[in-house]
Amino acid sequence: MNKAYKYRLYPNKEQAVLINKTFGCVRFIYNQMLANRKAIYEQYKDNKEALKQQKHALPADYKKEFPWLKEVDSLALANAQLNLNKAYNNFFRDKTVGFPKFKSKHHNRKSYTTNNQKGSIRLIDSKTIRLPKLKDVLVKMHRQLLPNVIIKSATISQTPTGKYYISILVEYEAKIKPITPTIENAIGLDYSSKALFVDSETNSPDYPKFYRQAEAKLKREQRKLSKREKGGKNREKQRRKVTKLH
């Protein structure tokens, strides 16, 4: 079975620069390969047999023209190709899905995935993880991995508020024990728009309505954001505050 563990990552300045550079390279290579496929599709879309025989560009094909692609993890670029393959195949499987879209610098999730090859991804201790190209990076292990797991891959991401996270995908053997359900007590629940539900004994939960309170606060902070001058530091601070509330 597979299971993912997500942790907060604390890269130093040099590591953060390389992570952000990898985000950009992954987005760039995805868009370049998509442009190549789009051109081929437009040329051969009326001839399915000819379309199947066309060779698509690979990440390695762009490294001569753009040598700075060699600075980042090659497996991250390879996974960008796999993601494009999946989106491209989904389009042919179901045309209502639509042709894959180009990734925008401002409107796409900043992330990349790398694979574990011969221990290239491994935990050094409870506070450090080794990653390809980045070497040893500080990580907050708020929970430990299961014993005897095999690390398959890692996805590094950045939130709109600037925080870095890592999601570690592991493989493990699980022994599933059969469960025999035993019903001792039963209760009926009926939906209530005001109280969420009412049970068969006329009891209702007294929940604190966090969502509505946060909704009101978000409205106030968005109003403040709209009044901030574009391009200013105060607007960026307020944008992060709104993003965090979202």
C-alpha atoms as a PDB file:
ATOM      1  CA  MET A   1       0.000   0.000   0.000  1.00  0.00           C
ATOM      2  CA  ASN A   2       1.007   3.630  -0.497  1.00  0.00           C
ATOM      3  CA  LYS A   3       0.738   6.466   1.981  1.00  0.00           C
ATOM      4  CA  ALA A   4       1.818  10.114   1.882  1.00  0.00           C
ATOM      5  CA  TYR A   5       3.246  12.160   4.760  1.00  0.00           C
ATOM      6  CA  LYS A   6       3.266  15.943   4.533  1.00  0.00           C
ATOM      7  CA  TYR A   7       5.790  18.020   6.517  1.00  0.00           C
ATOM      8  CA  ARG A   8       6.866  21.649   6.773  1.00  0.00           C
ATOM      9  CA  LEU A   9      10.189  22.271   5.039  1.00  0.00           C
ATOM     10  CA  TYR A  10      12.736  24.917   6.123  1.00  0.00           C
ATOM     11  CA  PRO A  11      15.260  25.446   3.281  1.00  0.00           C
ATOM     12  CA  ASN A  12      18.108  27.931   3.665  1.00  0.00           C
ATOM     13  CA  LYS A  13      18.474  30.852   1.241  1.00  0.00           C
ATOM     14  CA  GLU A  14      20.495  28.912  -1.355  1.00  0.00           C
ATOM     15  CA  GLN A  15      18.114  25.947  -1.206  1.00  0.00           C
ATOM     16  CA  ALA A  16      15.061  28.217  -1.491  1.00  0.00           C
ATOM     17  CA  VAL A  17      16.557  29.840  -4.610  1.00  0.00           C
ATOM     18  CA  LEU A  18      17.115  26.405  -6.191  1.00  0.00           C
ATOM     19  CA  ILE A  19      13.601  25.236  -5.249  1.00  0.00           C
ATOM     20  CA  ASN A  20      12.049  28.330  -6.849  1.00  0.00           C
ATOM     21  CA  LYS A  21      14.279  27.863  -9.900  1.00  0.00           C
ATOM     22  CA  THR A  22      13.041  24.265 -10.171  1.00  0.00           C
ATOM     23  CA  PHE A  23       9.419  25.453 -10.000  1.00  0.00           C
ATOM     24  CA  GLY A  24      10.135  27.768 -12.925  1.00  0.00           C
ATOM     25  CA  CYS A  25      12.011  25.146 -14.957  1.00  0.00           C
ATOM     26  CA  VAL A  26       9.245  22.564 -14.473  1.00  0.00           C
ATOM     27  CA  ARG A  27       6.646  25.092 -15.608  1.00  0.00           C
ATOM     28  CA  PHE A  28       8.844  26.159 -18.556  1.00  0.00           C
ATOM     29  CA  ILE A  29       9.521  22.614 -19.792  1.00  0.00           C
ATOM     30  CA  TYR A  30       5.833  21.711 -19.443  1.00  0.00           C
ATOM     31  CA  ASN A  31       4.815  24.707 -21.563  1.00  0.00           C
ATOM     32  CA  GLN A  32       7.526  24.032 -24.164  1.00  0.00           C
ATOM     33  CA  MET A  33       6.504  20.397 -24.594  1.00  0.00           C
ATOM     34  CA  LEU A  34       2.829  21.381 -24.672  1.00  0.00           C
ATOM     35  CA  ALA A  35       3.517  23.934 -27.428  1.00  0.00           C
ATOM     36  CA  ASN A  36       5.311  21.182 -29.377  1.00  0.00           C
ATOM     37  CA  ARG A  37       2.388  18.789 -28.992  1.00  0.00           C
ATOM     38  CA  LYS A  38      -0.147  21.458 -29.848  1.00  0.00           C
ATOM     39  CA  ALA A  39       1.676  22.270 -33.090  1.00  0.00           C
ATOM     40  CA  ILE A  40       1.800  18.576 -34.031  1.00  0.00           C
ATOM     41  CA  TYR A  41      -1.868  18.096 -33.164  1.00  0.00           C
ATOM     42  CA  GLU A  42      -2.959  21.090 -35.245  1.00  0.00           C
ATOM     43  CA  GLN A  43      -0.973  19.756 -38.215  1.00  0.00           C
ATOM     44  CA  TYR A  44      -2.126  16.118 -38.069  1.00  0.00           C
ATOM     45  CA  LYS A  45      -5.475  16.215 -36.226  1.00  0.00           C
ATOM     46  CA  ASP A  46      -7.335  15.109 -39.366  1.00  0.00           C
ATOM     47  CA  ASN A  47      -5.047  12.087 -39.826  1.00  0.00           C
ATOM     48  CA  LYS A  48      -5.090   9.892 -36.696  1.00  0.00           C
ATOM     49  CA  GLU A  49      -2.544   7.368 -37.998  1.00  0.00           C
ATOM     50  CA  ALA A  50      -0.039  10.082 -38.881  1.00  0.00           C
ATOM     51  CA  LEU A  51      -0.666  11.757 -35.529  1.00  0.00           C
ATOM     52  CA  LYS A  52       0.167   8.534 -33.642  1.00  0.00           C
ATOM     53  CA  GLN A  53       3.482   8.182 -35.507  1.00  0.00           C
ATOM     54  CA  GLN A  54       4.761  11.653 -34.575  1.00  0.00           C
ATOM     55  CA  LYS A  55       7.557  11.894 -32.012  1.00  0.00           C
ATOM     56  CA  HIS A  56       7.096  14.405 -29.223  1.00  0.00           C
ATOM     57  CA  ALA A  57       9.838  16.517 -27.700  1.00  0.00           C
ATOM     58  CA  LEU A  58      11.483  15.344 -24.452  1.00  0.00           C
ATOM     59  CA  PRO A  59      13.010  17.432 -21.624  1.00  0.00           C
ATOM     60  CA  ALA A  60      16.529  16.480 -22.780  1.00  0.00           C
ATOM     61  CA  ASP A  61      15.825  18.008 -26.203  1.00  0.00           C
ATOM     62  CA  TYR A  62      15.685  21.492 -24.682  1.00  0.00           C
ATOM     63  CA  LYS A  63      18.846  21.364 -22.564  1.00  0.00           C
ATOM     64  CA  LYS A  64      21.170  22.297 -25.438  1.00  0.00           C
ATOM     65  CA  GLU A  65      19.166  25.409 -26.260  1.00  0.00           C
ATOM     66  CA  PHE A  66      18.493  26.242 -22.600  1.00  0.00           C
ATOM     67  CA  PRO A  67      21.549  25.041 -20.602  1.00  0.00           C
ATOM     68  CA  TRP A  68      20.179  26.467 -17.331  1.00  0.00           C
ATOM     69  CA  LEU A  69      17.768  23.518 -17.263  1.00  0.00           C
ATOM     70  CA  LYS A  70      20.753  21.369 -16.239  1.00  0.00           C
ATOM     71  CA  GLU A  71      20.970  23.216 -12.908  1.00  0.00           C
ATOM     72  CA  VAL A  72      17.803  21.616 -11.525  1.00  0.00           C
ATOM     73  CA  ASP A  73      16.738  18.044 -10.741  1.00  0.00           C
ATOM     74  CA  SER A  74      16.290  16.137 -14.019  1.00  0.00           C
ATOM     75  CA  LEU A  75      13.654  13.868 -12.434  1.00  0.00           C
ATOM     76  CA  ALA A  76      11.498  16.924 -11.720  1.00  0.00           C
ATOM     77  CA  LEU A  77      11.537  17.693 -15.449  1.00  0.00           C
ATOM     78  CA  ALA A  78      10.783  14.050 -16.260  1.00  0.00           C
ATOM     79  CA  ASN A  79       7.747  14.122 -13.968  1.00  0.00           C
ATOM     80  CA  ALA A  80       6.530  17.280 -15.727  1.00  0.00           C
ATOM     81  CA  GLN A  81       6.577  15.209 -18.919  1.00  0.00           C
ATOM     82  CA  LEU A  82       4.563  12.441 -17.222  1.00  0.00           C
ATOM     83  CA  ASN A  83       1.986  14.980 -16.042  1.00  0.00           C
ATOM     84  CA  LEU A  84       1.663  16.317 -19.584  1.00  0.00           C
ATOM     85  CA  ASN A  85       1.304  12.769 -20.946  1.00  0.00           C
ATOM     86  CA  LYS A  86      -1.554  12.147 -18.525  1.00  0.00           C
ATOM     87  CA  ALA A  87      -3.342  15.387 -19.451  1.00  0.00           C
ATOM     88  CA  TYR A  88      -2.783  14.716 -23.180  1.00  0.00           C
ATOM     89  CA  ASN A  89      -4.140  11.155 -22.936  1.00  0.00           C
ATOM     90  CA  ASN A  90      -7.158  12.361 -20.952  1.00  0.00           C
ATOM     91  CA  PHE A  91      -7.962  14.744 -23.804  1.00  0.00           C
ATOM     92  CA  PHE A  92      -8.051  11.901 -26.341  1.00  0.00           C
ATOM     93  CA  ARG A  93     -10.003   9.671 -23.964  1.00  0.00           C
ATOM     94  CA  ASP A  94     -12.668  12.309 -23.383  1.00  0.00           C
ATOM     95  CA  LYS A  95     -12.726  15.420 -25.614  1.00  0.00           C
ATOM     96  CA  THR A  96     -14.986  17.222 -23.123  1.00  0.00           C
ATOM     97  CA  VAL A  97     -11.946  17.447 -20.817  1.00  0.00           C
ATOM     98  CA  GLY A  98     -10.381  19.912 -23.252  1.00  0.00           C
ATOM     99  CA  PHE A  99      -6.850  20.261 -24.598  1.00  0.00           C
ATOM    100  CA  PRO A 100      -4.162  20.693 -21.883  1.00  0.00           C
ATOM    101  CA  LYS A 101      -3.601  24.312 -20.883  1.00  0.00           C
ATOM    102  CA  PHE A 102      -0.371  26.212 -20.449  1.00  0.00           C
ATOM    103  CA  LYS A 103       0.820  26.825 -16.901  1.00  0.00           C
ATOM    104  CA  SER A 104       0.876  30.408 -15.667  1.00  0.00           C
ATOM    105  CA  LYS A 105       3.489  31.796 -13.306  1.00  0.00           C
ATOM    106  CA  HIS A 106       0.838  33.583 -11.259  1.00  0.00           C
ATOM    107  CA  HIS A 107      -2.131  31.199 -11.329  1.00  0.00           C
ATOM    108  CA  ASN A 108      -0.622  27.736 -10.897  1.00  0.00           C
ATOM    109  CA  ARG A 109       0.395  25.794  -7.821  1.00  0.00           C
ATOM    110  CA  LYS A 110       4.152  25.958  -7.266  1.00  0.00           C
ATOM    111  CA  SER A 111       5.363  22.370  -6.905  1.00  0.00           C
ATOM    112  CA  TYR A 112       7.555  19.679  -8.381  1.00  0.00           C
ATOM    113  CA  THR A 113       7.969  15.932  -7.818  1.00  0.00           C
ATOM    114  CA  THR A 114      11.207  13.955  -7.694  1.00  0.00           C
ATOM    115  CA  ASN A 115      11.757  10.205  -7.345  1.00  0.00           C
ATOM    116  CA  ASN A 116      13.896   8.198  -4.972  1.00  0.00           C
ATOM    117  CA  GLN A 117      16.776   6.523  -6.802  1.00  0.00           C
ATOM    118  CA  LYS A 118      19.272   4.494  -4.759  1.00  0.00           C
ATOM    119  CA  GLY A 119      18.633   6.504  -1.599  1.00  0.00           C
ATOM    120  CA  SER A 120      18.626   9.955  -3.214  1.00  0.00           C
ATOM    121  CA  ILE A 121      15.683  10.757  -0.905  1.00  0.00           C
ATOM    122  CA  ARG A 122      16.250   9.673   2.682  1.00  0.00           C
ATOM    123  CA  LEU A 123      15.859  10.825   6.253  1.00  0.00           C
ATOM    124  CA  ILE A 124      19.180  11.733   7.861  1.00  0.00           C
ATOM    125  CA  ASP A 125      17.682  12.204  11.327  1.00  0.00           C
ATOM    126  CA  SER A 126      14.447  13.445  12.905  1.00  0.00           C
ATOM    127  CA  LYS A 127      15.101  16.999  11.666  1.00  0.00           C
ATOM    128  CA  THR A 128      16.834  16.555   8.314  1.00  0.00           C
ATOM    129  CA  ILE A 129      15.929  15.048   4.952  1.00  0.00           C
ATOM    130  CA  ARG A 130      18.249  14.592   1.964  1.00  0.00           C
ATOM    131  CA  LEU A 131      16.850  15.584  -1.432  1.00  0.00           C
ATOM    132  CA  PRO A 132      18.325  15.509  -4.958  1.00  0.00           C
ATOM    133  CA  LYS A 133      20.300  18.702  -5.771  1.00  0.00           C
ATOM    134  CA  LEU A 134      19.232  20.330  -2.478  1.00  0.00           C
ATOM    135  CA  LYS A 135      21.238  17.955  -0.241  1.00  0.00           C
ATOM    136  CA  ASP A 136      20.276  18.197   3.459  1.00  0.00           C
ATOM    137  CA  VAL A 137      17.171  20.278   4.218  1.00  0.00           C
ATOM    138  CA  LEU A 138      15.605  20.977   7.612  1.00  0.00           C
ATOM    139  CA  VAL A 139      12.163  19.433   8.063  1.00  0.00           C
ATOM    140  CA  LYS A 140       9.643  19.438  10.908  1.00  0.00           C
ATOM    141  CA  MET A 141       8.758  15.785  11.512  1.00  0.00           C
ATOM    142  CA  HIS A 142       5.607  16.214  13.580  1.00  0.00           C
ATOM    143  CA  ARG A 143       4.931  12.480  13.085  1.00  0.00           C
ATOM    144  CA  GLN A 144       7.221   9.599  12.218  1.00  0.00           C
ATOM    145  CA  LEU A 145       7.043   7.400   9.138  1.00  0.00           C
ATOM    146  CA  LEU A 146       5.793   3.855   9.524  1.00  0.00           C
ATOM    147  CA  PRO A 147       8.585   1.321  10.172  1.00  0.00           C
ATOM    148  CA  ASN A 148      10.086  -0.579   7.207  1.00  0.00           C
ATOM    149  CA  VAL A 149       8.631   1.719   4.542  1.00  0.00           C
ATOM    150  CA  ILE A 150      10.164   2.371   1.124  1.00  0.00           C
ATOM    151  CA  ILE A 151      10.280   6.021   0.035  1.00  0.00           C
ATOM    152  CA  LYS A 152       8.999   6.250  -3.542  1.00  0.00           C
ATOM    153  CA  SER A 153       8.938   9.981  -4.278  1.00  0.00           C
ATOM    154  CA  ALA A 154       8.726  13.456  -2.776  1.00  0.00           C
ATOM    155  CA  THR A 155       6.724  16.499  -3.853  1.00  0.00           C
ATOM    156  CA  ILE A 156       8.052  19.909  -2.813  1.00  0.00           C
ATOM    157  CA  SER A 157       5.526  22.751  -2.838  1.00  0.00           C
ATOM    158  CA  GLN A 158       5.180  26.365  -1.792  1.00  0.00           C
ATOM    159  CA  THR A 159       1.999  27.980  -0.512  1.00  0.00           C
ATOM    160  CA  PRO A 160       0.888  31.487  -1.586  1.00  0.00           C
ATOM    161  CA  THR A 161       2.069  32.691   1.835  1.00  0.00           C
ATOM    162  CA  GLY A 162       5.647  31.603   1.042  1.00  0.00           C
ATOM    163  CA  LYS A 163       5.865  28.462   3.212  1.00  0.00           C
ATOM    164  CA  TYR A 164       7.527  25.312   1.880  1.00  0.00           C
ATOM    165  CA  TYR A 165       6.180  21.781   2.344  1.00  0.00           C
ATOM    166  CA  ILE A 166       7.224  18.294   1.345  1.00  0.00           C
ATOM    167  CA  SER A 167       4.900  15.345   0.732  1.00  0.00           C
ATOM    168  CA  ILE A 168       6.718  12.003   0.995  1.00  0.00           C
ATOM    169  CA  LEU A 169       5.102   9.041  -0.735  1.00  0.00           C
ATOM    170  CA  VAL A 170       6.003   5.701   0.869  1.00  0.00           C
ATOM    171  CA  GLU A 171       5.184   2.063   0.133  1.00  0.00           C
ATOM    172  CA  TYR A 172       4.519  -0.456   2.908  1.00  0.00           C
ATOM    173  CA  GLU A 173       2.963  -3.823   3.582  1.00  0.00           C
ATOM    174  CA  ALA A 174      -0.287  -3.697   5.496  1.00  0.00           C
ATOM    175  CA  LYS A 175      -2.000  -6.577   7.228  1.00  0.00           C
ATOM    176  CA  ILE A 176      -5.721  -5.855   7.147  1.00  0.00           C
ATOM    177  CA  LYS A 177      -7.647  -7.488   9.951  1.00  0.00           C
ATOM    178  CA  PRO A 178     -11.285  -8.387   9.270  1.00  0.00           C
ATOM    179  CA  ILE A 179     -13.777  -6.439  11.364  1.00  0.00           C
ATOM    180  CA  THR A 180     -17.053  -7.900  12.558  1.00  0.00           C
ATOM    181  CA  PRO A 181     -19.446  -5.011  13.250  1.00  0.00           C
ATOM    182  CA  THR A 182     -21.549  -5.214  16.404  1.00  0.00           C
ATOM    183  CA  ILE A 183     -24.431  -2.799  16.899  1.00  0.00           C
ATOM    184  CA  GLU A 184     -25.305  -2.148  20.523  1.00  0.00           C
ATOM    185  CA  ASN A 185     -26.950   1.263  20.339  1.00  0.00           C
ATOM    186  CA  ALA A 186     -28.512   3.132  17.411  1.00  0.00           C
ATOM    187  CA  ILE A 187     -29.636   6.719  16.998  1.00  0.00           C
ATOM    188  CA  GLY A 188     -31.469   8.572  14.227  1.00  0.00           C
ATOM    189  CA  LEU A 189     -30.195  11.885  12.799  1.00  0.00           C
ATOM    190  CA  ASP A 190     -32.227  14.464  10.876  1.00  0.00           C
ATOM    191  CA  TYR A 191     -30.667  17.426   9.036  1.00  0.00           C
ATOM    192  CA  SER A 192     -31.210  20.901  10.449  1.00  0.00           C
ATOM    193  CA  SER A 193     -30.181  24.077   8.598  1.00  0.00           C
ATOM    194  CA  LYS A 194     -29.714  25.962  11.876  1.00  0.00           C
ATOM    195  CA  ALA A 195     -28.186  23.319  14.140  1.00  0.00           C
ATOM    196  CA  LEU A 196     -26.671  20.945  11.548  1.00  0.00           C
ATOM    197  CA  PHE A 197     -28.730  17.997  12.840  1.00  0.00           C
ATOM    198  CA  VAL A 198     -31.356  16.892  15.378  1.00  0.00           C
ATOM    199  CA  ASP A 199     -31.217  13.368  16.763  1.00  0.00           C
ATOM    200  CA  SER A 200     -34.094  11.055  17.611  1.00  0.00           C
ATOM    201  CA  GLU A 201     -33.933  12.277  21.205  1.00  0.00           C
ATOM    202  CA  THR A 202     -34.361  15.946  20.063  1.00  0.00           C
ATOM    203  CA  ASN A 203     -30.733  16.832  20.898  1.00  0.00           C
ATOM    204  CA  SER A 204     -28.732  19.245  18.701  1.00  0.00           C
ATOM    205  CA  PRO A 205     -25.002  20.059  18.662  1.00  0.00           C
ATOM    206  CA  ASP A 206     -23.880  23.416  19.987  1.00  0.00           C
ATOM    207  CA  TYR A 207     -21.081  23.941  17.458  1.00  0.00           C
ATOM    208  CA  PRO A 208     -19.120  27.251  17.476  1.00  0.00           C
ATOM    209  CA  LYS A 209     -19.725  28.304  13.792  1.00  0.00           C
ATOM    210  CA  PHE A 210     -16.054  28.869  12.993  1.00  0.00           C
ATOM    211  CA  TYR A 211     -16.774  29.004   9.260  1.00  0.00           C
ATOM    212  CA  ARG A 212     -19.226  31.905   9.471  1.00  0.00           C
ATOM    213  CA  GLN A 213     -16.905  33.824  11.809  1.00  0.00           C
ATOM    214  CA  ALA A 214     -13.962  33.319   9.446  1.00  0.00           C
ATOM    215  CA  GLU A 215     -16.161  34.342   6.505  1.00  0.00           C
ATOM    216  CA  ALA A 216     -16.941  37.678   8.156  1.00  0.00           C
ATOM    217  CA  LYS A 217     -13.269  38.275   8.968  1.00  0.00           C
ATOM    218  CA  LEU A 218     -12.260  37.420   5.384  1.00  0.00           C
ATOM    219  CA  LYS A 219     -14.747  39.973   4.081  1.00  0.00           C
ATOM    220  CA  ARG A 220     -13.188  42.706   6.261  1.00  0.00           C
ATOM    221  CA  GLU A 221      -9.628  41.829   5.208  1.00  0.00           C
ATOM    222  CA  GLN A 222     -10.561  41.719   1.509  1.00  0.00           C
ATOM    223  CA  ARG A 223     -12.060  45.194   1.831  1.00  0.00           C
ATOM    224  CA  LYS A 224      -8.750  46.416   3.288  1.00  0.00           C
ATOM    225  CA  LEU A 225      -6.838  44.758   0.438  1.00  0.00           C
ATOM    226  CA  SER A 226      -8.905  46.538  -2.205  1.00  0.00           C
ATOM    227  CA  LYS A 227      -7.874  49.901  -0.699  1.00  0.00           C
ATOM    228  CA  ARG A 228      -4.120  49.167  -0.658  1.00  0.00           C
ATOM    229  CA  GLU A 229      -1.984  50.723  -3.389  1.00  0.00           C
ATOM    230  CA  LYS A 230      -0.942  48.227  -6.080  1.00  0.00           C
ATOM    231  CA  GLY A 231       2.750  47.327  -6.021  1.00  0.00           C
ATOM    232  CA  GLY A 232       3.241  48.517  -2.442  1.00  0.00           C
ATOM    233  CA  LYS A 233       4.639  46.508   0.488  1.00  0.00           C
ATOM    234  CA  ASN A 234       1.477  46.989   2.533  1.00  0.00           C
ATOM    235  CA  ARG A 235      -0.612  45.485  -0.254  1.00  0.00           C
ATOM    236  CA  GLU A 236       1.649  42.408  -0.354  1.00  0.00           C
ATOM    237  CA  LYS A 237       1.368  42.017   3.433  1.00  0.00           C
ATOM    238  CA  GLN A 238      -2.415  42.295   3.218  1.00  0.00           C
ATOM    239  CA  ARG A 239      -2.535  39.837   0.277  1.00  0.00           C
ATOM    240  CA  ARG A 240      -0.701  37.233   2.356  1.00  0.00           C
ATOM    241  CA  LYS A 241      -3.109  37.804   5.227  1.00  0.00           C
ATOM    242  CA  VAL A 242      -6.113  37.262   2.925  1.00  0.00           C
ATOM    243  CA  THR A 243      -4.480  34.183   1.411  1.00  0.00           C
ATOM    244  CA  LYS A 244      -3.893  32.731   4.862  1.00  0.00           C
ATOM    245  CA  LEU A 245      -7.550  33.263   5.786  1.00  0.00           C
ATOM    246  CA  HIS A 246      -8.634  31.509   2.589  1.00  0.00           C
END
